Protein backbone atom coordinates (compact mmCIF):
# COMPACT_ATOMS: atom_id res chain seq x y z
CA UNK A 1 108.65 35.55 20.26
CA UNK A 2 108.37 38.34 17.18
CA UNK A 3 105.15 40.76 17.46
CA UNK A 4 102.03 38.31 16.98
CA UNK A 5 98.03 39.29 15.85
CA UNK A 6 96.55 37.04 17.57
CA UNK A 7 93.01 38.82 16.01
CA UNK A 8 94.85 37.67 12.38
CA UNK A 9 92.49 36.05 10.13
CA UNK A 10 94.28 32.56 9.97
CA UNK A 11 92.35 32.10 6.56
CA UNK A 12 90.49 33.95 3.89
CA UNK A 13 87.04 35.70 5.81
CA UNK A 14 85.91 36.59 2.09
CA UNK A 15 85.53 33.67 0.25
CA UNK A 16 83.70 30.60 1.18
CA UNK A 17 86.12 28.12 1.78
CA UNK A 18 88.42 30.31 4.33
CA UNK A 19 85.32 31.13 6.32
CA UNK A 20 84.66 27.38 6.37
CA UNK A 21 88.03 26.40 7.86
CA UNK A 22 87.36 28.86 10.40
CA UNK A 23 84.66 27.89 11.75
CA UNK A 24 85.25 23.88 11.78
CA UNK A 25 87.96 25.26 13.94
CA UNK A 26 86.07 27.55 16.84
CA UNK A 27 82.44 24.63 16.53
CA UNK A 28 84.93 21.85 17.37
CA UNK A 29 82.27 19.98 19.34
CA UNK A 30 85.97 18.89 21.62
CA UNK A 31 86.14 22.69 23.06
CA UNK A 32 83.05 21.93 24.90
CA UNK A 33 84.87 19.92 26.73
CA UNK A 34 87.55 21.82 27.98
CA UNK A 35 87.31 22.64 31.87
CA UNK A 36 86.27 26.19 32.94
CA UNK A 37 89.95 27.03 33.91
CA UNK A 38 91.50 26.25 30.46
CA UNK A 39 89.10 28.30 29.17
CA UNK A 40 90.02 31.23 31.90
CA UNK A 41 93.92 30.36 30.04
CA UNK A 42 93.23 31.53 26.73
CA UNK A 43 91.40 34.05 27.74
CA UNK A 44 94.05 36.24 29.50
CA UNK A 45 96.28 34.70 27.03
CA UNK A 46 94.89 36.65 24.58
CA UNK A 47 94.27 39.87 26.09
CA UNK A 48 97.87 39.04 27.14
CA UNK A 49 98.38 38.80 22.81
CA UNK A 50 96.44 42.55 22.06
CA UNK A 51 98.66 44.52 24.93
CA UNK A 52 101.69 42.40 23.73
CA UNK A 53 103.29 41.09 26.70
CA UNK A 54 102.93 37.55 26.08
CA UNK A 55 104.79 35.80 28.65
CA UNK A 56 108.43 34.51 27.04
CA UNK A 57 109.16 31.17 25.74
CA UNK A 58 105.00 31.45 24.39
CA UNK A 59 105.21 30.38 21.47
CA UNK A 60 102.49 30.48 18.35
CA UNK A 61 100.93 27.29 18.33
CA UNK A 62 99.72 27.73 21.94
CA UNK A 63 98.14 31.49 21.31
CA UNK A 64 96.56 30.17 18.43
CA UNK A 65 94.86 27.17 20.44
CA UNK A 66 94.24 29.67 22.82
CA UNK A 67 92.96 32.10 19.90
CA UNK A 68 90.70 28.87 19.01
CA UNK A 69 89.34 28.65 23.08
CA UNK A 70 88.22 32.31 23.17
CA UNK A 71 86.34 32.37 19.99
CA UNK A 72 84.41 29.03 20.80
CA UNK A 73 83.17 30.03 24.16
CA UNK A 74 83.27 33.69 24.74
CA UNK A 75 81.30 36.46 22.84
CA UNK A 76 82.76 38.97 19.87
CA UNK A 77 81.03 41.62 21.46
CA UNK A 78 81.43 41.91 24.84
CA UNK A 79 84.03 39.25 25.28
CA UNK A 80 81.79 37.59 28.60
CA UNK A 81 81.74 33.66 28.20
CA UNK A 82 79.02 32.64 27.34
CA UNK A 83 76.37 29.95 28.29
CA UNK A 84 77.65 26.05 27.85
CA UNK A 85 74.68 24.60 26.03
CA UNK A 86 74.29 28.38 23.91
CA UNK A 87 78.30 28.02 23.00
CA UNK A 88 78.62 27.13 18.71
CA UNK A 89 80.78 24.76 19.93
CA UNK A 90 77.57 22.67 21.29
CA UNK A 91 75.32 22.56 18.35
CA UNK A 92 76.63 19.23 17.35
CA UNK A 93 75.64 17.50 21.09
CA UNK A 94 72.86 19.07 21.95
CA UNK A 95 71.68 19.37 18.35
CA UNK A 96 72.01 15.84 17.47
CA UNK A 97 70.15 14.03 20.51
CA UNK A 98 67.28 16.80 20.23
CA UNK A 99 67.13 16.27 17.05
CA UNK A 100 67.80 12.50 16.28
CA UNK A 101 64.85 12.17 18.61
CA UNK A 102 62.40 14.49 16.88
CA UNK A 103 62.70 12.34 14.39
CA UNK A 104 62.68 9.26 15.76
CA UNK A 105 59.44 10.08 18.10
CA UNK A 106 57.22 11.97 15.19
CA UNK A 107 54.20 9.79 15.26
CA UNK A 108 52.18 11.02 18.45
CA UNK A 109 50.89 14.50 19.37
CA UNK A 110 52.74 14.48 22.93
CA UNK A 111 56.11 13.08 21.76
CA UNK A 112 55.29 16.06 18.72
CA UNK A 113 54.66 18.42 21.28
CA UNK A 114 57.34 17.63 24.04
CA UNK A 115 60.64 17.43 21.05
CA UNK A 116 59.57 20.58 19.93
CA UNK A 117 59.28 22.41 23.44
CA UNK A 118 62.71 21.20 23.83
CA UNK A 119 64.11 22.26 20.52
CA UNK A 120 62.83 25.87 20.73
CA UNK A 121 63.69 26.41 24.82
CA UNK A 122 67.42 24.60 23.32
CA UNK A 123 67.12 27.12 19.92
CA UNK A 124 65.81 30.53 21.71
CA UNK A 125 69.22 29.90 24.23
CA UNK A 126 71.88 29.44 21.39
CA UNK A 127 69.97 32.34 19.66
CA UNK A 128 70.35 34.86 22.89
CA UNK A 129 74.28 33.37 23.59
CA UNK A 130 74.39 34.51 20.15
CA UNK A 131 72.93 38.01 19.40
CA UNK A 132 74.61 40.94 18.57
CA UNK A 133 75.22 41.73 21.97
CA UNK A 134 75.06 45.93 20.98
CA UNK A 135 71.18 45.24 21.09
CA UNK A 136 70.09 44.44 24.32
CA UNK A 137 67.06 42.29 25.04
CA UNK A 138 64.98 42.55 27.69
CA UNK A 139 63.01 39.67 29.40
CA UNK A 140 59.49 40.50 28.29
CA UNK A 141 61.06 39.63 24.45
CA UNK A 142 62.41 36.67 25.02
CA UNK A 143 59.79 35.12 26.32
CA UNK A 144 57.24 36.02 23.88
CA UNK A 145 59.83 35.06 21.76
CA UNK A 146 60.17 32.03 23.22
CA UNK A 147 56.59 31.70 23.90
CA UNK A 148 55.73 32.58 19.55
CA UNK A 149 58.69 29.83 18.44
CA UNK A 150 57.33 27.33 19.96
CA UNK A 151 53.48 27.92 19.78
CA UNK A 152 54.63 28.16 15.87
CA UNK A 153 56.85 24.91 15.96
CA UNK A 154 53.97 23.22 17.79
CA UNK A 155 51.32 24.02 15.76
CA UNK A 156 53.01 23.05 12.62
CA UNK A 157 53.99 20.07 13.37
CA UNK A 158 50.50 19.26 15.24
CA UNK A 159 48.63 20.47 12.04
CA UNK A 160 51.06 18.70 9.67
CA UNK A 161 50.66 15.51 10.96
CA UNK A 162 47.26 15.40 10.89
CA UNK A 163 47.19 16.16 7.09
CA UNK A 164 49.59 14.09 6.33
CA UNK A 165 48.05 10.84 8.32
CA UNK A 166 47.32 9.70 4.58
CA UNK A 167 50.45 10.63 2.93
CA UNK A 168 53.43 7.94 2.44
CA UNK A 169 55.25 7.46 5.83
CA UNK A 170 57.77 9.01 4.19
CA UNK A 171 56.07 12.86 4.62
CA UNK A 172 55.13 12.74 7.75
CA UNK A 173 59.20 11.64 8.71
CA UNK A 174 59.53 15.45 6.93
CA UNK A 175 57.13 16.94 8.96
CA UNK A 176 59.73 18.05 11.86
CA UNK A 177 61.45 19.72 9.50
CA UNK A 178 59.26 21.98 8.45
CA UNK A 179 57.83 22.99 12.08
CA UNK A 180 61.69 23.65 13.18
CA UNK A 181 62.17 25.87 9.58
CA UNK A 182 59.19 27.58 10.17
CA UNK A 183 60.14 27.90 13.73
CA UNK A 184 63.37 29.63 13.22
CA UNK A 185 61.76 32.55 10.78
CA UNK A 186 60.31 32.90 13.58
CA UNK A 187 62.47 33.17 16.84
CA UNK A 188 65.43 34.65 15.83
CA UNK A 189 63.50 37.79 14.08
CA UNK A 190 61.66 38.04 17.49
CA UNK A 191 64.24 38.17 19.97
CA UNK A 192 66.47 40.23 17.54
CA UNK A 193 63.34 42.49 17.54
CA UNK A 194 65.60 45.17 19.24
CA UNK A 195 67.98 45.20 16.20
CA UNK A 196 65.26 45.52 13.58
CA UNK A 197 63.71 48.51 16.15
CA UNK A 198 66.19 50.49 16.90
CA UNK A 199 68.92 49.39 14.25
CA UNK A 200 72.44 48.17 15.16
CA UNK A 201 75.67 49.87 15.35
CA UNK A 202 77.46 50.32 11.69
CA UNK A 203 81.31 51.08 11.35
CA UNK A 204 84.10 52.35 8.73
CA UNK A 205 86.28 50.02 8.05
CA UNK A 206 88.54 51.25 10.71
CA UNK A 207 86.22 50.30 13.60
CA UNK A 208 85.11 53.85 14.16
CA UNK A 209 80.78 53.88 15.11
CA UNK A 210 79.08 55.57 12.52
CA UNK A 211 75.05 54.87 13.25
CA UNK A 212 72.53 52.55 14.30
CA UNK A 213 70.59 51.04 11.25
CA UNK A 214 67.96 49.14 10.79
CA UNK A 215 68.54 47.49 7.27
CA UNK A 216 71.64 46.02 8.71
CA UNK A 217 69.72 44.67 11.24
CA UNK A 218 66.71 42.69 8.39
CA UNK A 219 70.09 41.54 6.46
CA UNK A 220 72.06 39.90 8.79
CA UNK A 221 69.19 38.58 10.49
CA UNK A 222 68.00 36.92 7.84
CA UNK A 223 70.99 35.65 6.58
CA UNK A 224 71.14 34.14 10.12
CA UNK A 225 68.04 32.42 9.28
CA UNK A 226 69.07 31.00 5.84
CA UNK A 227 72.07 29.83 8.19
CA UNK A 228 70.91 28.03 10.51
CA UNK A 229 67.79 26.11 8.29
CA UNK A 230 70.88 24.99 6.08
CA UNK A 231 72.30 23.56 9.47
CA UNK A 232 69.32 21.26 10.01
CA UNK A 233 68.22 20.95 6.79
CA UNK A 234 70.41 17.61 5.27
CA UNK A 235 70.31 16.25 8.81
CA UNK A 236 66.01 16.56 8.48
CA UNK A 237 65.85 15.44 5.12
CA UNK A 238 68.11 13.20 4.08
CA UNK A 239 68.16 11.20 7.35
CA UNK A 240 64.37 10.11 7.11
CA UNK A 241 65.14 8.55 3.35
CA UNK A 242 67.80 6.68 4.64
CA UNK A 243 65.60 5.37 7.86
CA UNK A 244 62.93 4.74 5.95
CA UNK A 245 64.95 2.00 3.98
CA UNK A 246 67.50 0.87 7.12
CA UNK A 247 63.74 -0.20 9.14
CA UNK A 248 62.95 -2.19 6.04
CA UNK A 249 65.86 -4.45 6.70
CA UNK A 250 65.30 -7.72 9.23
CA UNK A 251 68.14 -6.89 11.44
CA UNK A 252 67.04 -3.41 12.31
CA UNK A 253 62.99 -4.58 12.28
CA UNK A 254 64.51 -7.12 15.49
CA UNK A 255 66.25 -4.14 17.58
CA UNK A 256 63.91 -1.21 17.23
CA UNK A 257 65.36 -0.02 20.23
CA UNK A 258 68.92 1.28 18.70
CA UNK A 259 66.93 3.44 15.79
CA UNK A 260 66.47 6.28 18.34
CA UNK A 261 70.22 6.32 18.72
CA UNK A 262 71.24 5.59 15.57
CA UNK A 263 69.24 8.40 14.54
CA UNK A 264 71.03 10.57 16.97
CA UNK A 265 74.42 9.11 15.58
CA UNK A 266 73.83 10.47 12.59
CA UNK A 267 72.62 13.11 13.25
CA UNK A 268 75.92 14.15 14.51
CA UNK A 269 77.78 13.13 11.12
CA UNK A 270 75.70 15.37 9.13
CA UNK A 271 75.37 17.94 12.06
CA UNK A 272 79.72 18.26 12.11
CA UNK A 273 79.64 19.46 9.07
CA UNK A 274 76.88 21.33 8.42
CA UNK A 275 77.46 23.58 11.45
CA UNK A 276 80.80 25.15 10.63
CA UNK A 277 78.89 24.64 6.32
CA UNK A 278 75.77 27.26 7.48
CA UNK A 279 78.17 29.66 9.78
CA UNK A 280 80.31 29.94 7.05
CA UNK A 281 77.55 30.76 3.75
CA UNK A 282 77.73 34.49 4.43
CA UNK A 283 81.15 36.23 6.34
CA UNK A 284 80.71 37.37 9.90
CA UNK A 285 81.04 40.77 9.50
CA UNK A 286 79.15 42.08 7.01
CA UNK A 287 79.82 44.79 4.61
CA UNK A 288 77.03 46.99 3.44
CA UNK A 289 77.13 49.31 0.59
CA UNK A 290 76.46 53.55 2.83
CA UNK A 291 73.98 53.83 -0.01
CA UNK A 292 71.58 50.72 1.05
CA UNK A 293 71.08 52.53 4.68
CA UNK A 294 68.41 53.85 5.12
CA UNK A 295 68.32 57.93 3.42
CA UNK A 296 68.46 59.79 6.89
CA UNK A 297 71.46 56.97 8.16
CA UNK A 298 73.36 58.43 4.43
CA UNK A 299 72.57 61.86 5.25
CA UNK A 300 74.89 61.98 8.16
CA UNK A 301 77.45 60.20 7.17
CA UNK A 302 77.87 62.08 3.84
CA UNK A 303 77.60 65.44 5.92
CA UNK A 304 80.07 63.81 8.19
CA UNK A 305 82.42 61.73 5.87
CA UNK A 306 81.78 63.14 2.61
CA UNK A 307 82.22 60.34 0.04
CA UNK A 308 85.39 58.58 1.99
CA UNK A 309 83.02 56.21 3.87
CA UNK A 310 82.26 53.72 0.95
CA UNK A 311 81.32 50.71 2.66
CA UNK A 312 80.09 50.36 6.97
CA UNK A 313 80.23 46.59 8.65
CA UNK A 314 78.34 45.05 10.94
CA UNK A 315 78.83 42.15 12.89
CA UNK A 316 76.00 40.28 12.26
CA UNK A 317 75.98 37.59 14.82
CA UNK A 318 74.87 33.40 14.29
């Protein structure tokens, strides 16, 4: 077959719609069910395509499918296979179960504590799996991040439950979202604090490494926090309104055992769309003007490259 650039984006990554199509492709929850041997085949095909030695008779459609599986299961920085539950393709099945039960069991303190703990454990795994791998994270940092985020989520949920006991029932249903949003603001920066302390690798347009930037790290982490909150916001804000109305129906009052499965299913419907939308809010490879970097890094770049490098680029993580 003719030369095929397997790393060339299928859709324009400079536009929101192009990025959304890309993330619909790689966050497809069906890829979470693909067997290990097929993922290994996908990695082999991608690596061979990069070397220009694909097996004779290989069709472009096969290479595109291999790249889809590769992007869904292997880390973009290291090329290593990611933890199954930490992959973005597992966000829909994993997130729908946890979020559905958080929204259903929000009335008692033990239920709130348990489901917030489960959610933060899941979030910590996702954050670690999708970190910028160029900045190593120690076991102590992971433990501190996990404990801090879990404590924040539980304290927010329990505290707001106490404060909203006399409020309308719908207000109480929104408490899980407030807790999740607050925890995301803690969990992600804590898990990636090494990037904030030491900076992340920034490159020129030709992928040459030119330094470490803390400002780039702060920008990338802030964008990831916004994306994560955006992913969960519609489901956790609109679904309580929907369930509040549905539960008043006579049929729903007779089948209360179906309330939790229904919430899980509806959460899945929201997440199927919101996971790629949230991931697509910002480009995966961020562009930052050299003038926005730390003064010392600006001086280093200008001394070495002059004005030939107006922008730097970095992977913000997911």
